[in-house]
Amino acid sequence: MVDRADFDVRDKPALRDEARREAVAAARRRAGVSTEAAGVPLGTVLHITDVAAGSVYSRYQGHVGGGGGSAG
């Protein structure tokens, strides 16, 4: 039985930078569609919230292992 498996990457800072670039580009595309539909120009960025590294992992820690035991 395996209770836990951990995976990691070699260059986290570079991957996080790329993920941020892609997230901002995606947000800009979505905002562009919305402003176009509203007939107004896309303005400047007012606020960006960055999720702390590891916070997504911590949400799912309790979901590993399958849960209750079953007698077989």
N, C-alpha and C. Protein backbone atom coordinates (compact mmCIF):
# COMPACT_ATOMS: atom_id res chain seq x y z
N MET A 1 0.84 -1.18 0.00
CA MET A 1 0.00 0.00 0.00
C MET A 1 0.89 1.24 0.00
N VAL A 2 0.54 2.21 -0.80
CA VAL A 2 1.26 3.48 -0.85
C VAL A 2 0.41 4.53 -0.16
N ASP A 3 0.96 5.17 0.86
CA ASP A 3 0.23 6.21 1.56
C ASP A 3 0.50 7.60 1.00
N ARG A 4 1.67 7.77 0.36
CA ARG A 4 2.03 9.11 -0.09
C ARG A 4 3.07 9.04 -1.20
N ALA A 5 2.92 9.92 -2.17
CA ALA A 5 3.92 10.07 -3.23
C ALA A 5 4.21 11.56 -3.39
N ASP A 6 5.46 11.94 -3.39
CA ASP A 6 5.85 13.34 -3.55
C ASP A 6 6.54 13.54 -4.89
N PHE A 7 6.23 14.61 -5.56
CA PHE A 7 6.84 14.96 -6.83
C PHE A 7 7.38 16.38 -6.72
N ASP A 8 8.44 16.67 -7.43
CA ASP A 8 9.04 17.99 -7.38
C ASP A 8 9.63 18.32 -8.73
N VAL A 9 10.01 19.56 -8.93
CA VAL A 9 10.64 20.01 -10.16
C VAL A 9 11.97 20.68 -9.82
N ARG A 10 12.82 20.81 -10.83
CA ARG A 10 14.16 21.35 -10.58
C ARG A 10 14.21 22.86 -10.51
N ASP A 11 13.47 23.55 -11.35
CA ASP A 11 13.59 25.00 -11.41
C ASP A 11 12.26 25.68 -11.10
N LYS A 12 11.85 25.61 -9.84
CA LYS A 12 10.57 26.18 -9.44
C LYS A 12 10.44 27.66 -9.75
N PRO A 13 11.45 28.49 -9.45
CA PRO A 13 11.28 29.93 -9.72
C PRO A 13 10.98 30.22 -11.20
N ALA A 14 11.67 29.56 -12.11
CA ALA A 14 11.43 29.80 -13.54
C ALA A 14 10.04 29.32 -13.94
N LEU A 15 9.61 28.19 -13.41
CA LEU A 15 8.27 27.68 -13.72
C LEU A 15 7.18 28.58 -13.15
N ARG A 16 7.41 29.10 -11.95
CA ARG A 16 6.43 30.03 -11.36
C ARG A 16 6.36 31.31 -12.17
N ASP A 17 7.50 31.81 -12.62
CA ASP A 17 7.52 33.01 -13.45
C ASP A 17 6.71 32.79 -14.72
N GLU A 18 6.91 31.66 -15.37
CA GLU A 18 6.18 31.35 -16.59
C GLU A 18 4.69 31.20 -16.32
N ALA A 19 4.34 30.57 -15.21
CA ALA A 19 2.93 30.41 -14.86
C ALA A 19 2.29 31.78 -14.62
N ARG A 20 3.02 32.68 -13.98
CA ARG A 20 2.49 34.03 -13.76
C ARG A 20 2.28 34.76 -15.08
N ARG A 21 3.26 34.65 -16.00
CA ARG A 21 3.11 35.28 -17.31
C ARG A 21 1.87 34.75 -18.03
N GLU A 22 1.69 33.45 -18.00
CA GLU A 22 0.54 32.84 -18.67
C GLU A 22 -0.77 33.25 -17.99
N ALA A 23 -0.78 33.35 -16.67
CA ALA A 23 -1.98 33.74 -15.95
C ALA A 23 -2.37 35.18 -16.28
N VAL A 24 -1.39 36.07 -16.33
CA VAL A 24 -1.67 37.47 -16.66
C VAL A 24 -2.16 37.58 -18.10
N ALA A 25 -1.54 36.85 -19.01
CA ALA A 25 -1.97 36.87 -20.41
C ALA A 25 -3.41 36.37 -20.54
N ALA A 26 -3.75 35.32 -19.82
CA ALA A 26 -5.11 34.77 -19.86
C ALA A 26 -6.11 35.77 -19.28
N ALA A 27 -5.73 36.42 -18.19
CA ALA A 27 -6.61 37.42 -17.58
C ALA A 27 -6.81 38.60 -18.53
N ARG A 28 -5.74 39.00 -19.21
CA ARG A 28 -5.84 40.10 -20.17
C ARG A 28 -6.78 39.74 -21.32
N ARG A 29 -6.68 38.49 -21.81
CA ARG A 29 -7.58 38.04 -22.89
C ARG A 29 -9.04 38.06 -22.43
N ARG A 30 -9.29 37.53 -21.23
CA ARG A 30 -10.67 37.51 -20.70
C ARG A 30 -11.19 38.94 -20.52
N ALA A 31 -10.35 39.81 -19.99
CA ALA A 31 -10.75 41.20 -19.78
C ALA A 31 -11.01 41.88 -21.12
N GLY A 32 -10.20 41.57 -22.12
CA GLY A 32 -10.39 42.14 -23.45
C GLY A 32 -11.73 41.76 -24.05
N VAL A 33 -12.11 40.51 -23.89
CA VAL A 33 -13.41 40.05 -24.39
C VAL A 33 -14.53 40.80 -23.68
N SER A 34 -14.40 40.94 -22.36
CA SER A 34 -15.45 41.62 -21.59
C SER A 34 -15.56 43.09 -21.96
N THR A 35 -14.44 43.77 -22.07
CA THR A 35 -14.49 45.20 -22.41
C THR A 35 -14.98 45.41 -23.84
N GLU A 36 -14.59 44.52 -24.73
CA GLU A 36 -15.08 44.61 -26.12
C GLU A 36 -16.60 44.45 -26.16
N ALA A 37 -17.11 43.48 -25.40
CA ALA A 37 -18.55 43.25 -25.36
C ALA A 37 -19.28 44.46 -24.75
N ALA A 38 -18.61 45.13 -23.82
CA ALA A 38 -19.22 46.29 -23.17
C ALA A 38 -19.01 47.57 -23.98
N GLY A 39 -18.15 47.50 -25.00
CA GLY A 39 -17.90 48.67 -25.83
C GLY A 39 -17.02 49.71 -25.18
N VAL A 40 -16.15 49.28 -24.29
CA VAL A 40 -15.22 50.20 -23.62
C VAL A 40 -13.80 49.71 -23.82
N PRO A 41 -12.82 50.61 -23.75
CA PRO A 41 -11.44 50.19 -23.94
C PRO A 41 -10.89 49.48 -22.70
N LEU A 42 -9.96 48.59 -22.93
CA LEU A 42 -9.28 47.89 -21.83
C LEU A 42 -8.32 48.87 -21.18
N GLY A 43 -8.41 49.04 -19.89
CA GLY A 43 -7.55 49.96 -19.15
C GLY A 43 -6.31 49.27 -18.60
N THR A 44 -5.68 49.91 -17.64
CA THR A 44 -4.47 49.36 -17.03
C THR A 44 -4.83 48.40 -15.90
N VAL A 45 -3.88 47.57 -15.54
CA VAL A 45 -4.08 46.63 -14.43
C VAL A 45 -4.20 47.41 -13.13
N LEU A 46 -5.20 47.11 -12.35
CA LEU A 46 -5.39 47.78 -11.07
C LEU A 46 -4.89 46.97 -9.89
N HIS A 47 -4.97 45.63 -10.02
CA HIS A 47 -4.60 44.79 -8.88
C HIS A 47 -4.32 43.37 -9.37
N ILE A 48 -3.29 42.76 -8.83
CA ILE A 48 -2.98 41.36 -9.09
C ILE A 48 -2.77 40.68 -7.74
N THR A 49 -3.43 39.57 -7.52
CA THR A 49 -3.24 38.79 -6.30
C THR A 49 -2.46 37.54 -6.66
N ASP A 50 -1.37 37.32 -5.96
CA ASP A 50 -0.53 36.15 -6.21
C ASP A 50 -0.78 35.12 -5.11
N VAL A 51 -1.00 33.89 -5.50
CA VAL A 51 -1.21 32.82 -4.53
C VAL A 51 0.15 32.33 -4.05
N ALA A 52 0.31 32.23 -2.75
CA ALA A 52 1.58 31.79 -2.18
C ALA A 52 1.90 30.36 -2.60
N ALA A 53 3.16 30.11 -2.88
CA ALA A 53 3.60 28.76 -3.26
C ALA A 53 3.27 27.79 -2.14
N GLY A 54 2.76 26.64 -2.50
CA GLY A 54 2.45 25.61 -1.52
C GLY A 54 1.02 25.65 -1.02
N SER A 55 0.31 26.77 -1.21
CA SER A 55 -1.03 26.86 -0.66
C SER A 55 -2.01 25.92 -1.36
N VAL A 56 -1.80 25.67 -2.65
CA VAL A 56 -2.68 24.75 -3.36
C VAL A 56 -2.44 23.34 -2.87
N TYR A 57 -1.18 22.96 -2.67
CA TYR A 57 -0.85 21.63 -2.16
C TYR A 57 -1.48 21.41 -0.81
N SER A 58 -1.40 22.39 0.08
CA SER A 58 -1.90 22.21 1.43
C SER A 58 -3.41 21.97 1.45
N ARG A 59 -4.13 22.46 0.44
CA ARG A 59 -5.57 22.22 0.38
C ARG A 59 -5.89 20.75 0.15
N TYR A 60 -5.00 20.02 -0.49
CA TYR A 60 -5.29 18.66 -0.88
C TYR A 60 -4.56 17.62 -0.04
N GLN A 61 -3.81 18.02 0.95
CA GLN A 61 -3.08 17.06 1.77
C GLN A 61 -3.99 16.04 2.40
N GLY A 62 -5.16 16.44 2.82
CA GLY A 62 -6.07 15.52 3.47
C GLY A 62 -6.75 14.56 2.53
N HIS A 63 -6.56 14.72 1.22
CA HIS A 63 -7.25 13.87 0.26
C HIS A 63 -6.42 12.69 -0.23
N VAL A 64 -5.23 12.55 0.30
CA VAL A 64 -4.40 11.42 -0.15
C VAL A 64 -4.67 10.22 0.73
N GLY A 65 -4.55 9.06 0.20
CA GLY A 65 -4.67 7.86 1.01
C GLY A 65 -6.01 7.15 0.88
N GLY A 66 -7.00 7.79 0.30
CA GLY A 66 -8.23 7.06 -0.01
C GLY A 66 -9.31 7.10 1.05
N GLY A 67 -9.00 7.28 2.31
CA GLY A 67 -10.08 7.36 3.29
C GLY A 67 -10.22 6.12 4.12
N GLY A 68 -11.46 5.74 4.37
CA GLY A 68 -11.76 4.66 5.31
C GLY A 68 -11.22 3.30 4.92
N GLY A 69 -10.98 2.50 5.91
CA GLY A 69 -10.47 1.17 5.66
C GLY A 69 -11.59 0.21 5.34
N SER A 70 -11.35 -0.70 4.46
CA SER A 70 -12.37 -1.69 4.18
C SER A 70 -11.77 -3.07 4.43
N ALA A 71 -12.51 -3.84 5.11
CA ALA A 71 -12.05 -5.20 5.39
C ALA A 71 -12.28 -6.04 4.15
N GLY A 72 -11.27 -6.78 3.75
CA GLY A 72 -11.44 -7.53 2.52
C GLY A 72 -11.45 -8.93 2.73
